[in-house]
Amino acid sequence: MAKKVYYLVGLLIMAMDVAAGILGIEAEVAQNKAKNLRVWIFECRDPSYEAFKLGLVATVLLTLAHAAAVMLSGCVCIWSKEELDQSSNNKQLAAASHVLAWVIMVIAFSLLISGTISNSRSRQNCGISNHNQLSIGGILCFVHGLFAVSYYISATTIIQEEKMLKHPATAGAAANA
């Protein structure tokens, strides 16, 4: 039963990231449908309420997927070079995936928020054009999903391995259930 829950949580994390990615790309499409006037690198465009809504939902889904991956898997950290050398491959994978998931989450979140805020204004926006923020943020949501699920799987595996090392008789019976 416990293994089924792990699979469902991993699928849920990936589904939220995929949905966030699709919504980010759809927000970019909606933003491009808004009226705009472009002269060289300067651009004046009307905000798109549809792009605002889609970008906001994409940002919320990305945040929920990241929170689920981090909170439901626990913290797997490597604090020193000696610990890195002595740790298992699963622990090294978990630590690397954790760091990469955080970095990609921060970049994707920043791009999605920036694109969403640019569509929240009630007046026309003029300035240097900054295209593709929403779509790049959406694409990074897909990448985030890969690293978040990788972290979740490897971190939960490490926790199960540590339980088996501490209590081999009870952990083996629980893993078979």
Protein backbone atom coordinates (compact mmCIF):
# COMPACT_ATOMS: atom_id res chain seq x y z
CA MET A 1 0.00 0.00 0.00
CA ALA A 2 2.82 2.43 0.86
CA LYS A 3 4.43 1.96 -2.56
CA LYS A 4 1.17 2.91 -4.27
CA VAL A 5 1.05 6.14 -2.30
CA TYR A 6 4.62 6.98 -3.38
CA TYR A 7 3.71 6.43 -7.02
CA LEU A 8 0.57 8.54 -6.70
CA VAL A 9 2.45 11.40 -5.05
CA GLY A 10 5.12 11.28 -7.77
CA LEU A 11 2.46 11.34 -10.47
CA LEU A 12 0.68 14.21 -8.71
CA ILE A 13 3.88 16.26 -8.57
CA MET A 14 4.58 15.64 -12.25
CA ALA A 15 0.95 16.35 -13.22
CA MET A 16 1.01 19.70 -11.41
CA ASP A 17 4.28 20.66 -13.11
CA VAL A 18 3.02 19.61 -16.55
CA ALA A 19 -0.21 21.54 -16.02
CA ALA A 20 1.79 24.59 -14.90
CA GLY A 21 3.97 24.31 -18.00
CA ILE A 22 1.00 24.06 -20.35
CA LEU A 23 -0.73 26.98 -18.65
CA GLY A 24 2.44 29.09 -18.86
CA ILE A 25 2.69 28.45 -22.60
CA GLU A 26 -1.04 29.14 -23.05
CA ALA A 27 -0.60 32.41 -21.12
CA GLU A 28 2.11 33.43 -23.60
CA VAL A 29 -0.25 32.65 -26.50
CA ALA A 30 -3.00 34.73 -24.87
CA GLN A 31 -0.54 37.57 -24.26
CA ASN A 32 0.51 37.56 -27.92
CA LYS A 33 -3.14 37.95 -28.98
CA ALA A 34 -3.37 41.31 -27.18
CA LYS A 35 -2.99 44.51 -29.21
CA ASN A 36 0.54 45.84 -29.45
CA LEU A 37 2.59 48.40 -31.31
CA ARG A 38 6.29 47.78 -31.81
CA VAL A 39 9.01 50.20 -32.90
CA TRP A 40 12.52 48.72 -32.89
CA ILE A 41 13.12 47.39 -29.38
CA PHE A 42 10.29 49.43 -27.81
CA GLU A 43 6.81 48.05 -27.55
CA CYS A 44 3.44 49.28 -26.31
CA ARG A 45 0.81 46.66 -25.62
CA ASP A 46 -2.45 46.22 -23.81
CA PRO A 47 -2.46 43.77 -20.91
CA SER A 48 -4.27 40.48 -21.40
CA TYR A 49 -6.54 39.43 -18.55
CA GLU A 50 -6.58 35.88 -19.90
CA ALA A 51 -2.77 35.75 -19.81
CA PHE A 52 -2.88 37.13 -16.27
CA LYS A 53 -5.24 34.38 -15.09
CA LEU A 54 -3.33 31.58 -16.82
CA GLY A 55 0.04 32.86 -15.58
CA LEU A 56 -1.24 33.14 -12.03
CA VAL A 57 -2.60 29.58 -12.02
CA ALA A 58 0.66 28.30 -13.55
CA THR A 59 2.63 30.03 -10.78
CA VAL A 60 0.40 28.57 -8.06
CA LEU A 61 0.67 25.04 -9.53
CA LEU A 62 4.46 25.29 -9.78
CA THR A 63 4.63 26.40 -6.15
CA LEU A 64 2.30 23.60 -4.98
CA ALA A 65 4.28 20.97 -6.91
CA HIS A 66 7.53 22.16 -5.37
CA ALA A 67 6.05 22.29 -1.87
CA ALA A 68 4.63 18.78 -2.25
CA ALA A 69 7.96 17.37 -3.44
CA VAL A 70 9.96 18.99 -0.66
CA MET A 71 7.54 18.50 2.23
CA LEU A 72 6.44 14.96 1.47
CA SER A 73 9.92 13.58 0.91
CA GLY A 74 11.83 15.08 3.81
CA CYS A 75 15.21 16.76 3.70
CA VAL A 76 18.21 14.98 2.28
CA CYS A 77 21.25 17.18 2.67
CA ILE A 78 24.98 16.64 2.35
CA TRP A 79 26.92 19.02 4.55
CA SER A 80 30.57 18.18 3.89
CA LYS A 81 32.96 16.68 1.38
CA GLU A 82 33.49 13.67 3.64
CA GLU A 83 29.77 13.05 3.83
CA LEU A 84 29.54 13.34 0.05
CA ASP A 85 32.30 10.76 -0.39
CA GLN A 86 30.67 8.35 2.05
CA SER A 87 27.06 8.77 0.88
CA SER A 88 25.26 6.34 -1.39
CA ASN A 89 24.41 7.07 -5.01
CA ASN A 90 20.78 7.59 -4.02
CA LYS A 91 21.74 10.23 -1.48
CA GLN A 92 23.99 12.01 -3.98
CA LEU A 93 21.18 11.93 -6.57
CA ALA A 94 18.71 13.27 -4.03
CA ALA A 95 20.99 16.13 -3.00
CA ALA A 96 21.77 17.10 -6.60
CA SER A 97 18.10 16.87 -7.62
CA HIS A 98 17.10 18.93 -4.59
CA VAL A 99 19.50 21.75 -5.47
CA LEU A 100 18.58 21.72 -9.17
CA ALA A 101 14.85 21.64 -8.39
CA TRP A 102 15.26 24.72 -6.18
CA VAL A 103 17.30 26.60 -8.78
CA ILE A 104 14.88 25.84 -11.60
CA MET A 105 11.92 26.63 -9.36
CA VAL A 106 13.31 30.08 -8.52
CA ILE A 107 13.99 30.89 -12.19
CA ALA A 108 10.62 29.57 -13.44
CA PHE A 109 8.75 31.29 -10.60
CA SER A 110 10.47 34.60 -11.36
CA LEU A 111 9.67 34.37 -15.07
CA LEU A 112 6.04 33.38 -14.49
CA ILE A 113 5.49 36.10 -11.89
CA SER A 114 7.14 38.74 -14.08
CA GLY A 115 5.02 37.76 -17.09
CA THR A 116 1.88 37.62 -14.97
CA ILE A 117 2.48 41.01 -13.38
CA SER A 118 3.07 42.60 -16.78
CA ASN A 119 -0.47 41.52 -17.68
CA SER A 120 -2.11 42.70 -14.45
CA ARG A 121 -2.03 46.41 -15.14
CA SER A 122 -5.22 48.18 -16.19
CA ARG A 123 -3.37 50.54 -18.53
CA GLN A 124 -1.29 50.07 -21.60
CA ASN A 125 2.32 49.07 -20.90
CA CYS A 126 5.17 50.64 -22.87
CA GLY A 127 8.85 49.82 -22.66
CA ILE A 128 11.56 47.53 -23.92
CA SER A 129 9.99 44.33 -25.21
CA ASN A 130 10.37 41.32 -22.97
CA HIS A 131 8.79 38.45 -24.85
CA ASN A 132 8.65 34.81 -23.95
CA GLN A 133 8.81 35.15 -20.17
CA LEU A 134 5.65 33.10 -19.70
CA SER A 135 6.58 30.43 -22.24
CA ILE A 136 10.14 30.04 -20.93
CA GLY A 137 8.74 29.83 -17.40
CA GLY A 138 6.29 27.20 -18.63
CA ILE A 139 9.04 25.15 -20.25
CA LEU A 140 11.06 25.33 -17.03
CA CYS A 141 8.03 23.91 -15.20
CA PHE A 142 8.48 20.69 -17.22
CA VAL A 143 12.16 20.56 -16.27
CA HIS A 144 11.27 21.27 -12.64
CA GLY A 145 8.90 18.31 -12.72
CA LEU A 146 11.72 15.98 -13.72
CA PHE A 147 14.03 17.12 -10.93
CA ALA A 148 11.26 17.34 -8.31
CA VAL A 149 10.09 13.78 -9.00
CA SER A 150 13.70 12.58 -9.08
CA TYR A 151 14.25 14.19 -5.68
CA TYR A 152 11.02 12.78 -4.26
CA ILE A 153 11.76 9.22 -5.40
CA SER A 154 15.39 9.19 -4.28
CA ALA A 155 14.64 10.90 -0.94
CA THR A 156 11.83 8.50 -0.06
CA THR A 157 14.08 5.59 -1.06
CA ILE A 158 16.80 6.85 1.29
CA ILE A 159 14.31 7.17 4.15
CA GLN A 160 13.11 3.61 3.56
CA GLU A 161 16.72 2.33 3.42
CA GLU A 162 17.55 4.07 6.70
CA LYS A 163 14.48 2.54 8.36
CA MET A 164 15.56 -0.90 7.14
CA LEU A 165 19.07 -0.39 8.56
CA LYS A 166 17.73 0.67 11.96
CA HIS A 167 15.00 -1.96 12.25
CA PRO A 168 15.51 -4.72 9.68
CA ALA A 169 12.71 -7.02 10.91
CA THR A 170 9.92 -4.43 11.10
CA ALA A 171 10.92 -2.44 8.01
CA GLY A 172 11.03 -5.52 5.81
CA ALA A 173 7.52 -6.53 6.87
CA ALA A 174 6.23 -2.98 6.29
CA ALA A 175 7.82 -2.76 2.85
CA ASN A 176 6.15 -5.99 1.75
CA ALA A 177 2.68 -4.77 2.78
